[in-house]
PDB file of N, CA and C in Angstrom:
ATOM      1  N   MET A   1       7.411 -19.027  -3.602  1.00  0.00           N
ATOM      2  CA  MET A   1       6.911 -17.736  -4.061  1.00  0.00           C
ATOM      3  C   MET A   1       6.195 -17.047  -2.909  1.00  0.00           C
ATOM      4  N   GLU A   2       6.417 -15.771  -2.812  1.00  0.00           N
ATOM      5  CA  GLU A   2       5.789 -14.964  -1.763  1.00  0.00           C
ATOM      6  C   GLU A   2       4.302 -14.770  -2.062  1.00  0.00           C
ATOM      7  N   LYS A   3       3.493 -14.829  -1.005  1.00  0.00           N
ATOM      8  CA  LYS A   3       2.055 -14.634  -1.144  1.00  0.00           C
ATOM      9  C   LYS A   3       1.650 -13.420  -0.315  1.00  0.00           C
ATOM     10  N   PHE A   4       0.760 -12.610  -0.859  1.00  0.00           N
ATOM     11  CA  PHE A   4       0.284 -11.408  -0.174  1.00  0.00           C
ATOM     12  C   PHE A   4      -1.170 -11.592   0.226  1.00  0.00           C
ATOM     13  N   ILE A   5      -1.579 -10.884   1.263  1.00  0.00           N
ATOM     14  CA  ILE A   5      -2.951 -10.971   1.753  1.00  0.00           C
ATOM     15  C   ILE A   5      -3.695  -9.694   1.384  1.00  0.00           C
ATOM     16  N   MET A   6      -4.863  -9.871   0.764  1.00  0.00           N
ATOM     17  CA  MET A   6      -5.759  -8.752   0.486  1.00  0.00           C
ATOM     18  C   MET A   6      -6.868  -8.812   1.524  1.00  0.00           C
ATOM     19  N   HIS A   7      -6.852  -7.845   2.428  1.00  0.00           N
ATOM     20  CA  HIS A   7      -7.880  -7.750   3.458  1.00  0.00           C
ATOM     21  C   HIS A   7      -9.029  -6.905   2.901  1.00  0.00           C
ATOM     22  N   THR A   8     -10.264  -7.364   3.057  1.00  0.00           N
ATOM     23  CA  THR A   8     -11.412  -6.590   2.587  1.00  0.00           C
ATOM     24  C   THR A   8     -12.519  -6.593   3.627  1.00  0.00           C
ATOM     25  N   ASP A   9     -13.308  -5.525   3.576  1.00  0.00           N
ATOM     26  CA  ASP A   9     -14.545  -5.445   4.349  1.00  0.00           C
ATOM     27  C   ASP A   9     -15.623  -4.987   3.379  1.00  0.00           C
ATOM     28  N   PRO A  10     -16.848  -4.765   3.814  1.00  0.00           N
ATOM     29  CA  PRO A  10     -17.893  -4.392   2.857  1.00  0.00           C
ATOM     30  C   PRO A  10     -17.618  -3.099   2.075  1.00  0.00           C
ATOM     31  N   GLY A  11     -16.701  -2.255   2.564  1.00  0.00           N
ATOM     32  CA  GLY A  11     -16.485  -0.984   1.890  1.00  0.00           C
ATOM     33  C   GLY A  11     -15.181  -0.834   1.135  1.00  0.00           C
ATOM     34  N   HIS A  12     -14.162  -1.617   1.481  1.00  0.00           N
ATOM     35  CA  HIS A  12     -12.857  -1.370   0.868  1.00  0.00           C
ATOM     36  C   HIS A  12     -11.927  -2.554   1.065  1.00  0.00           C
ATOM     37  N   GLY A  13     -10.710  -2.430   0.512  1.00  0.00           N
ATOM     38  CA  GLY A  13      -9.716  -3.477   0.642  1.00  0.00           C
ATOM     39  C   GLY A  13      -8.312  -2.914   0.706  1.00  0.00           C
ATOM     40  N   TRP A  14      -7.403  -3.714   1.302  1.00  0.00           N
ATOM     41  CA  TRP A  14      -6.013  -3.295   1.494  1.00  0.00           C
ATOM     42  C   TRP A  14      -5.097  -4.484   1.287  1.00  0.00           C
ATOM     43  N   LEU A  15      -4.045  -4.274   0.542  1.00  0.00           N
ATOM     44  CA  LEU A  15      -3.050  -5.310   0.317  1.00  0.00           C
ATOM     45  C   LEU A  15      -1.960  -5.181   1.377  1.00  0.00           C
ATOM     46  N   GLU A  16      -1.705  -6.261   2.097  1.00  0.00           N
ATOM     47  CA  GLU A  16      -0.679  -6.260   3.153  1.00  0.00           C
ATOM     48  C   GLU A  16       0.687  -6.532   2.527  1.00  0.00           C
ATOM     49  N   VAL A  17       1.610  -5.585   2.734  1.00  0.00           N
ATOM     50  CA  VAL A  17       2.933  -5.672   2.118  1.00  0.00           C
ATOM     51  C   VAL A  17       3.993  -5.252   3.123  1.00  0.00           C
ATOM     52  N   PRO A  18       4.996  -6.071   3.367  1.00  0.00           N
ATOM     53  CA  PRO A  18       6.106  -5.631   4.211  1.00  0.00           C
ATOM     54  C   PRO A  18       6.848  -4.462   3.553  1.00  0.00           C
ATOM     55  N   VAL A  19       7.256  -3.492   4.341  1.00  0.00           N
ATOM     56  CA  VAL A  19       7.987  -2.336   3.814  1.00  0.00           C
ATOM     57  C   VAL A  19       9.225  -2.808   3.047  1.00  0.00           C
ATOM     58  N   ARG A  20       9.939  -3.794   3.584  1.00  0.00           N
ATOM     59  CA  ARG A  20      11.168  -4.267   2.929  1.00  0.00           C
ATOM     60  C   ARG A  20      10.876  -4.845   1.540  1.00  0.00           C
ATOM     61  N   THR A  21       9.695  -5.425   1.359  1.00  0.00           N
ATOM     62  CA  THR A  21       9.326  -5.970   0.049  1.00  0.00           C
ATOM     63  C   THR A  21       9.074  -4.835  -0.934  1.00  0.00           C
ATOM     64  N   ALA A  22       8.381  -3.796  -0.484  1.00  0.00           N
ATOM     65  CA  ALA A  22       8.175  -2.622  -1.343  1.00  0.00           C
ATOM     66  C   ALA A  22       9.526  -2.007  -1.700  1.00  0.00           C
ATOM     67  N   ASN A  23      10.431  -1.920  -0.724  1.00  0.00           N
ATOM     68  CA  ASN A  23      11.762  -1.354  -0.966  1.00  0.00           C
ATOM     69  C   ASN A  23      12.543  -2.157  -2.003  1.00  0.00           C
ATOM     70  N   ARG A  24      12.362  -3.481  -2.009  1.00  0.00           N
ATOM     71  CA  ARG A  24      13.032  -4.323  -3.015  1.00  0.00           C
ATOM     72  C   ARG A  24      12.626  -3.935  -4.425  1.00  0.00           C
ATOM     73  N   LEU A  25      11.421  -3.382  -4.559  1.00  0.00           N
ATOM     74  CA  LEU A  25      10.915  -2.951  -5.868  1.00  0.00           C
ATOM     75  C   LEU A  25      11.190  -1.471  -6.113  1.00  0.00           C
ATOM     76  N   LEU A  26      12.034  -0.900  -5.257  1.00  0.00           N
ATOM     77  CA  LEU A  26      12.398   0.520  -5.317  1.00  0.00           C
ATOM     78  C   LEU A  26      11.212   1.432  -5.021  1.00  0.00           C
ATOM     79  N   LEU A  27      10.265   0.925  -4.237  1.00  0.00           N
ATOM     80  CA  LEU A  27       9.141   1.720  -3.774  1.00  0.00           C
ATOM     81  C   LEU A  27       9.386   2.084  -2.316  1.00  0.00           C
ATOM     82  N   ASP A  28       9.127   3.326  -1.983  1.00  0.00           N
ATOM     83  CA  ASP A  28       9.288   3.816  -0.620  1.00  0.00           C
ATOM     84  C   ASP A  28       7.905   4.114  -0.061  1.00  0.00           C
ATOM     85  N   VAL A  29       7.812   4.199   1.245  1.00  0.00           N
ATOM     86  CA  VAL A  29       6.529   4.533   1.882  1.00  0.00           C
ATOM     87  C   VAL A  29       5.951   5.804   1.271  1.00  0.00           C
ATOM     88  N   SER A  30       6.816   6.739   0.932  1.00  0.00           N
ATOM     89  CA  SER A  30       6.354   8.014   0.374  1.00  0.00           C
ATOM     90  C   SER A  30       5.752   7.882  -1.026  1.00  0.00           C
ATOM     91  N   ASP A  31       5.887   6.719  -1.656  1.00  0.00           N
ATOM     92  CA  ASP A  31       5.290   6.504  -2.976  1.00  0.00           C
ATOM     93  C   ASP A  31       3.795   6.205  -2.902  1.00  0.00           C
ATOM     94  N   PHE A  32       3.294   6.018  -1.684  1.00  0.00           N
ATOM     95  CA  PHE A  32       1.898   5.645  -1.510  1.00  0.00           C
ATOM     96  C   PHE A  32       1.095   6.793  -0.898  1.00  0.00           C
ATOM     97  N   SER A  33      -0.208   6.739  -1.085  1.00  0.00           N
ATOM     98  CA  SER A  33      -1.089   7.839  -0.672  1.00  0.00           C
ATOM     99  C   SER A  33      -1.476   7.754   0.802  1.00  0.00           C
ATOM    100  N   ARG A  34      -2.105   8.807   1.257  1.00  0.00           N
ATOM    101  CA  ARG A  34      -2.575   8.857   2.641  1.00  0.00           C
ATOM    102  C   ARG A  34      -3.815   7.976   2.850  1.00  0.00           C
ATOM    103  N   TYR A  35      -4.255   7.296   1.816  1.00  0.00           N
ATOM    104  CA  TYR A  35      -5.395   6.396   1.937  1.00  0.00           C
ATOM    105  C   TYR A  35      -4.959   4.977   2.323  1.00  0.00           C
ATOM    106  N   SER A  36      -3.649   4.788   2.422  1.00  0.00           N
ATOM    107  CA  SER A  36      -3.099   3.521   2.879  1.00  0.00           C
ATOM    108  C   SER A  36      -2.672   3.668   4.336  1.00  0.00           C
ATOM    109  N   PHE A  37      -2.424   2.537   4.971  1.00  0.00           N
ATOM    110  CA  PHE A  37      -2.119   2.526   6.399  1.00  0.00           C
ATOM    111  C   PHE A  37      -0.787   1.834   6.644  1.00  0.00           C
ATOM    112  N   ILE A  38      -0.242   2.063   7.844  1.00  0.00           N
ATOM    113  CA  ILE A  38       1.027   1.446   8.214  1.00  0.00           C
ATOM    114  C   ILE A  38       0.960   1.018   9.675  1.00  0.00           C
ATOM    115  N   ARG A  39       1.561  -0.147   9.938  1.00  0.00           N
ATOM    116  CA  ARG A  39       1.714  -0.628  11.313  1.00  0.00           C
ATOM    117  C   ARG A  39       3.088  -1.266  11.392  1.00  0.00           C
ATOM    118  N   GLY A  40       3.981  -0.639  12.153  1.00  0.00           N
ATOM    119  CA  GLY A  40       5.342  -1.155  12.242  1.00  0.00           C
ATOM    120  C   GLY A  40       5.998  -1.164  10.880  1.00  0.00           C
ATOM    121  N   ASP A  41       6.445  -2.349  10.466  1.00  0.00           N
ATOM    122  CA  ASP A  41       7.109  -2.502   9.173  1.00  0.00           C
ATOM    123  C   ASP A  41       6.191  -3.093   8.111  1.00  0.00           C
ATOM    124  N   THR A  42       4.873  -2.892   8.291  1.00  0.00           N
ATOM    125  CA  THR A  42       3.909  -3.459   7.348  1.00  0.00           C
ATOM    126  C   THR A  42       3.004  -2.366   6.799  1.00  0.00           C
ATOM    127  N   LEU A  43       2.861  -2.365   5.490  1.00  0.00           N
ATOM    128  CA  LEU A  43       1.958  -1.445   4.803  1.00  0.00           C
ATOM    129  C   LEU A  43       0.650  -2.162   4.509  1.00  0.00           C
ATOM    130  N   PHE A  44      -0.428  -1.415   4.538  1.00  0.00           N
ATOM    131  CA  PHE A  44      -1.738  -1.901   4.120  1.00  0.00           C
ATOM    132  C   PHE A  44      -2.186  -0.955   3.016  1.00  0.00           C
ATOM    133  N   LEU A  45      -1.925  -1.354   1.768  1.00  0.00           N
ATOM    134  CA  LEU A  45      -2.096  -0.485   0.612  1.00  0.00           C
ATOM    135  C   LEU A  45      -3.531  -0.530   0.106  1.00  0.00           C
ATOM    136  N   GLU A  46      -4.154   0.654   0.038  1.00  0.00           N
ATOM    137  CA  GLU A  46      -5.549   0.717  -0.405  1.00  0.00           C
ATOM    138  C   GLU A  46      -5.658   0.149  -1.810  1.00  0.00           C
ATOM    139  N   GLU A  47      -6.777  -0.499  -2.057  1.00  0.00           N
ATOM    140  CA  GLU A  47      -6.922  -1.321  -3.256  1.00  0.00           C
ATOM    141  C   GLU A  47      -6.972  -0.556  -4.572  1.00  0.00           C
ATOM    142  N   ASP A  48      -7.420   0.681  -4.588  1.00  0.00           N
ATOM    143  CA  ASP A  48      -7.659   1.366  -5.855  1.00  0.00           C
ATOM    144  C   ASP A  48      -6.384   1.821  -6.560  1.00  0.00           C
ATOM    145  N   CYS A  49      -5.521   2.512  -5.859  1.00  0.00           N
ATOM    146  CA  CYS A  49      -4.309   3.048  -6.506  1.00  0.00           C
ATOM    147  C   CYS A  49      -3.031   2.422  -5.965  1.00  0.00           C
ATOM    148  N   ASP A  50      -2.873   2.438  -4.658  1.00  0.00           N
ATOM    149  CA  ASP A  50      -1.603   2.016  -4.064  1.00  0.00           C
ATOM    150  C   ASP A  50      -1.329   0.533  -4.263  1.00  0.00           C
ATOM    151  N   ALA A  51      -2.314  -0.313  -4.032  1.00  0.00           N
ATOM    152  CA  ALA A  51      -2.119  -1.751  -4.254  1.00  0.00           C
ATOM    153  C   ALA A  51      -1.865  -2.020  -5.734  1.00  0.00           C
ATOM    154  N   SER A  52      -2.569  -1.308  -6.602  1.00  0.00           N
ATOM    155  CA  SER A  52      -2.368  -1.485  -8.046  1.00  0.00           C
ATOM    156  C   SER A  52      -0.945  -1.115  -8.452  1.00  0.00           C
ATOM    157  N   LEU A  53      -0.413  -0.030  -7.883  1.00  0.00           N
ATOM    158  CA  LEU A  53       0.967   0.373  -8.154  1.00  0.00           C
ATOM    159  C   LEU A  53       1.926  -0.737  -7.734  1.00  0.00           C
ATOM    160  N   PHE A  54       1.747  -1.245  -6.516  1.00  0.00           N
ATOM    161  CA  PHE A  54       2.620  -2.314  -6.029  1.00  0.00           C
ATOM    162  C   PHE A  54       2.521  -3.548  -6.922  1.00  0.00           C
ATOM    163  N   ILE A  55       1.320  -3.951  -7.266  1.00  0.00           N
ATOM    164  CA  ILE A  55       1.122  -5.150  -8.085  1.00  0.00           C
ATOM    165  C   ILE A  55       1.783  -4.995  -9.453  1.00  0.00           C
ATOM    166  N   ARG A  56       1.619  -3.826 -10.088  1.00  0.00           N
ATOM    167  CA  ARG A  56       2.268  -3.583 -11.391  1.00  0.00           C
ATOM    168  C   ARG A  56       3.784  -3.707 -11.274  1.00  0.00           C
ATOM    169  N   CYS A  57       4.359  -3.083 -10.228  1.00  0.00           N
ATOM    170  CA  CYS A  57       5.811  -3.148 -10.031  1.00  0.00           C
ATOM    171  C   CYS A  57       6.269  -4.575  -9.774  1.00  0.00           C
ATOM    172  N   TRP A  58       5.517  -5.303  -8.957  1.00  0.00           N
ATOM    173  CA  TRP A  58       5.855  -6.701  -8.650  1.00  0.00           C
ATOM    174  C   TRP A  58       5.852  -7.533  -9.932  1.00  0.00           C
ATOM    175  N   GLU A  59       4.790  -7.412 -10.713  1.00  0.00           N
ATOM    176  CA  GLU A  59       4.656  -8.237 -11.910  1.00  0.00           C
ATOM    177  C   GLU A  59       5.704  -7.890 -12.965  1.00  0.00           C
ATOM    178  N   GLN A  60       6.101  -6.620 -13.040  1.00  0.00           N
ATOM    179  CA  GLN A  60       7.151  -6.238 -13.985  1.00  0.00           C
ATOM    180  C   GLN A  60       8.517  -6.767 -13.546  1.00  0.00           C
ATOM    181  N   ALA A  61       8.769  -6.740 -12.240  1.00  0.00           N
ATOM    182  CA  ALA A  61      10.085  -7.139 -11.738  1.00  0.00           C
ATOM    183  C   ALA A  61      10.207  -8.629 -11.463  1.00  0.00           C
ATOM    184  N   ILE A  62       9.118  -9.264 -11.008  1.00  0.00           N
ATOM    185  CA  ILE A  62       9.215 -10.633 -10.510  1.00  0.00           C
ATOM    186  C   ILE A  62       8.344 -11.611 -11.287  1.00  0.00           C
ATOM    187  N   GLY A  63       7.140 -11.189 -11.657  1.00  0.00           N
ATOM    188  CA  GLY A  63       6.229 -12.081 -12.370  1.00  0.00           C
ATOM    189  C   GLY A  63       4.863 -12.077 -11.715  1.00  0.00           C
ATOM    190  N   PRO A  64       4.060 -13.097 -11.994  1.00  0.00           N
ATOM    191  CA  PRO A  64       2.701 -13.144 -11.444  1.00  0.00           C
ATOM    192  C   PRO A  64       2.704 -13.069  -9.913  1.00  0.00           C
ATOM    193  N   ILE A  65       1.727 -12.373  -9.390  1.00  0.00           N
ATOM    194  CA  ILE A  65       1.613 -12.195  -7.943  1.00  0.00           C
ATOM    195  C   ILE A  65       0.565 -13.159  -7.395  1.00  0.00           C
ATOM    196  N   GLN A  66       0.841 -13.686  -6.218  1.00  0.00           N
ATOM    197  CA  GLN A  66      -0.125 -14.553  -5.545  1.00  0.00           C
ATOM    198  C   GLN A  66      -0.779 -13.760  -4.422  1.00  0.00           C
ATOM    199  N   ILE A  67      -2.109 -13.729  -4.433  1.00  0.00           N
ATOM    200  CA  ILE A  67      -2.859 -12.981  -3.423  1.00  0.00           C
ATOM    201  C   ILE A  67      -3.896 -13.895  -2.795  1.00  0.00           C
ATOM    202  N   GLU A  68      -3.903 -13.909  -1.474  1.00  0.00           N
ATOM    203  CA  GLU A  68      -4.917 -14.629  -0.701  1.00  0.00           C
ATOM    204  C   GLU A  68      -5.894 -13.593  -0.163  1.00  0.00           C
ATOM    205  N   GLU A  69      -7.169 -13.794  -0.392  1.00  0.00           N
ATOM    206  CA  GLU A  69      -8.175 -12.835   0.073  1.00  0.00           C
ATOM    207  C   GLU A  69      -8.717 -13.234   1.436  1.00  0.00           C
ATOM    208  N   ARG A  70      -8.832 -12.232   2.303  1.00  0.00           N
ATOM    209  CA  ARG A  70      -9.435 -12.436   3.625  1.00  0.00           C
ATOM    210  C   ARG A  70     -10.515 -11.375   3.810  1.00  0.00           C
ATOM    211  N   TYR A  71     -11.736 -11.814   3.923  1.00  0.00           N
ATOM    212  CA  TYR A  71     -12.884 -10.917   4.010  1.00  0.00           C
ATOM    213  C   TYR A  71     -13.410 -10.839   5.440  1.00  0.00           C
ATOM    214  N   SER A  72     -13.743  -9.628   5.872  1.00  0.00           N
ATOM    215  CA  SER A  72     -14.404  -9.400   7.154  1.00  0.00           C
ATOM    216  C   SER A  72     -15.768  -8.778   6.867  1.00  0.00           C
ATOM    217  N   GLN A  73     -16.795  -9.320   7.431  1.00  0.00           N
ATOM    218  CA  GLN A  73     -18.126  -8.748   7.202  1.00  0.00           C
ATOM    219  C   GLN A  73     -18.350  -7.483   8.019  1.00  0.00           C
ATOM    220  N   TYR A  74     -17.430  -7.202   8.927  1.00  0.00           N
ATOM    221  CA  TYR A  74     -17.521  -6.009   9.775  1.00  0.00           C
ATOM    222  C   TYR A  74     -16.477  -4.999   9.333  1.00  0.00           C
ATOM    223  N   GLU A  75     -16.574  -3.774   9.833  1.00  0.00           N
ATOM    224  CA  GLU A  75     -15.563  -2.769   9.531  1.00  0.00           C
ATOM    225  C   GLU A  75     -14.202  -3.300   9.965  1.00  0.00           C
ATOM    226  N   HIS A  76     -13.263  -3.251   9.072  1.00  0.00           N
ATOM    227  CA  HIS A  76     -11.966  -3.886   9.298  1.00  0.00           C
ATOM    228  C   HIS A  76     -11.109  -3.106  10.285  1.00  0.00           C
ATOM    229  N   TRP A  77     -10.311  -3.837  11.083  1.00  0.00           N
ATOM    230  CA  TRP A  77      -9.418  -3.223  12.068  1.00  0.00           C
ATOM    231  C   TRP A  77      -8.351  -2.359  11.402  1.00  0.00           C
ATOM    232  N   ILE A  78      -8.070  -2.595  10.145  1.00  0.00           N
ATOM    233  CA  ILE A  78      -7.067  -1.788   9.440  1.00  0.00           C
ATOM    234  C   ILE A  78      -7.460  -0.319   9.432  1.00  0.00           C
ATOM    235  N   ARG A  79      -8.747  -0.034   9.385  1.00  0.00           N
ATOM    236  CA  ARG A  79      -9.216   1.364   9.351  1.00  0.00           C
ATOM    237  C   ARG A  79      -8.780   2.170  10.579  1.00  0.00           C
ATOM    238  N   ALA A  80      -8.440   1.484  11.685  1.00  0.00           N
ATOM    239  CA  ALA A  80      -8.031   2.164  12.916  1.00  0.00           C
ATOM    240  C   ALA A  80      -6.519   2.414  12.981  1.00  0.00           C
ATOM    241  N   LEU A  81      -5.776   1.923  11.999  1.00  0.00           N
ATOM    242  CA  LEU A  81      -4.324   2.099  11.997  1.00  0.00           C
ATOM    243  C   LEU A  81      -3.948   3.511  11.562  1.00  0.00           C
ATOM    244  N   PRO A  82      -2.711   3.925  11.854  1.00  0.00           N
ATOM    245  CA  PRO A  82      -2.243   5.230  11.367  1.00  0.00           C
ATOM    246  C   PRO A  82      -2.135   5.218   9.843  1.00  0.00           C
ATOM    247  N   ARG A  83      -2.514   6.327   9.265  1.00  0.00           N
ATOM    248  CA  ARG A  83      -2.381   6.474   7.819  1.00  0.00           C
ATOM    249  C   ARG A  83      -0.928   6.781   7.462  1.00  0.00           C
ATOM    250  N   ILE A  84      -0.567   6.460   6.236  1.00  0.00           N
ATOM    251  CA  ILE A  84       0.750   6.853   5.741  1.00  0.00           C
ATOM    252  C   ILE A  84       0.761   8.373   5.655  1.00  0.00           C
ATOM    253  N   GLU A  85       1.789   8.974   6.213  1.00  0.00           N
ATOM    254  CA  GLU A  85       1.930  10.427   6.164  1.00  0.00           C
ATOM    255  C   GLU A  85       2.612  10.809   4.860  1.00  0.00           C
ATOM    256  N   VAL A  86       1.959  11.642   4.103  1.00  0.00           N
ATOM    257  CA  VAL A  86       2.499  12.089   2.831  1.00  0.00           C
ATOM    258  C   VAL A  86       2.893  13.550   2.970  1.00  0.00           C
ATOM    259  N   GLU A  87       4.166  13.811   2.732  1.00  0.00           N
ATOM    260  CA  GLU A  87       4.633  15.196   2.768  1.00  0.00           C
ATOM    261  C   GLU A  87       4.591  15.748   1.357  1.00  0.00           C
ATOM    262  N   ILE A  88       4.007  16.911   1.224  1.00  0.00           N
ATOM    263  CA  ILE A  88       3.935  17.564  -0.075  1.00  0.00           C
ATOM    264  C   ILE A  88       4.862  18.767  -0.034  1.00  0.00           C
ATOM    265  N   TYR A  89       5.774  18.800  -0.964  1.00  0.00           N
ATOM    266  CA  TYR A  89       6.714  19.910  -1.055  1.00  0.00           C
ATOM    267  C   TYR A  89       6.316  20.782  -2.234  1.00  0.00           C
ATOM    268  N   ILE A  90       6.097  22.037  -1.945  1.00  0.00           N
ATOM    269  CA  ILE A  90       5.743  22.984  -3.001  1.00  0.00           C
ATOM    270  C   ILE A  90       6.842  24.039  -3.038  1.00  0.00           C
ATOM    271  N   ASP A  91       7.478  24.149  -4.167  1.00  0.00           N
ATOM    272  CA  ASP A  91       8.514  25.148  -4.346  1.00  0.00           C
ATOM    273  C   ASP A  91       7.845  26.428  -4.815  1.00  0.00           C
ATOM    274  N   ASP A  92       7.726  27.375  -3.896  1.00  0.00           N
ATOM    275  CA  ASP A  92       7.041  28.617  -4.259  1.00  0.00           C
ATOM    276  C   ASP A  92       7.994  29.780  -4.450  1.00  0.00           C
ATOM    277  N   GLU A  93       9.266  29.453  -4.644  1.00  0.00           N
ATOM    278  CA  GLU A  93      10.244  30.513  -4.879  1.00  0.00           C
ATOM    279  C   GLU A  93      10.035  31.076  -6.273  1.00  0.00           C
ATOM    280  N   ILE A  94       9.987  32.370  -6.351  1.00  0.00           N
ATOM    281  CA  ILE A  94       9.830  33.040  -7.645  1.00  0.00           C
ATOM    282  C   ILE A  94      11.162  33.630  -8.032  1.00  0.00           C
ATOM    283  N   ILE A  95      11.630  33.276  -9.214  1.00  0.00           N
ATOM    284  CA  ILE A  95      12.920  33.763  -9.691  1.00  0.00           C
ATOM    285  C   ILE A  95      12.653  34.778 -10.791  1.00  0.00           C
ATOM    286  N   PHE A  96      13.245  35.973 -10.600  1.00  0.00           N
ATOM    287  CA  PHE A  96      13.094  37.041 -11.593  1.00  0.00           C
ATOM    288  C   PHE A  96      14.369  37.213 -12.369  1.00  0.00           C
TER     289      PHE A  96
END
């Protein structure tokens, strides 16, 4: 069974997920908020919404999730990574 790492510091937490694993659940990088981070082919999903979304999808598709917690007492290095870029499309065409 696959195990995921939840990285935490005194202020927040992020679930480490390979992009390919999210894709297996039909989740794309664009499904996550700008509060999550990315490095190469790895997502660091913020704990409040994005990690919860992934966990719900995992448990519905595969079953119970295994998470290993890793705590840093200092500001975590994940905070320095690039954020996920979220494109917002607004259709402002007015049809008369």
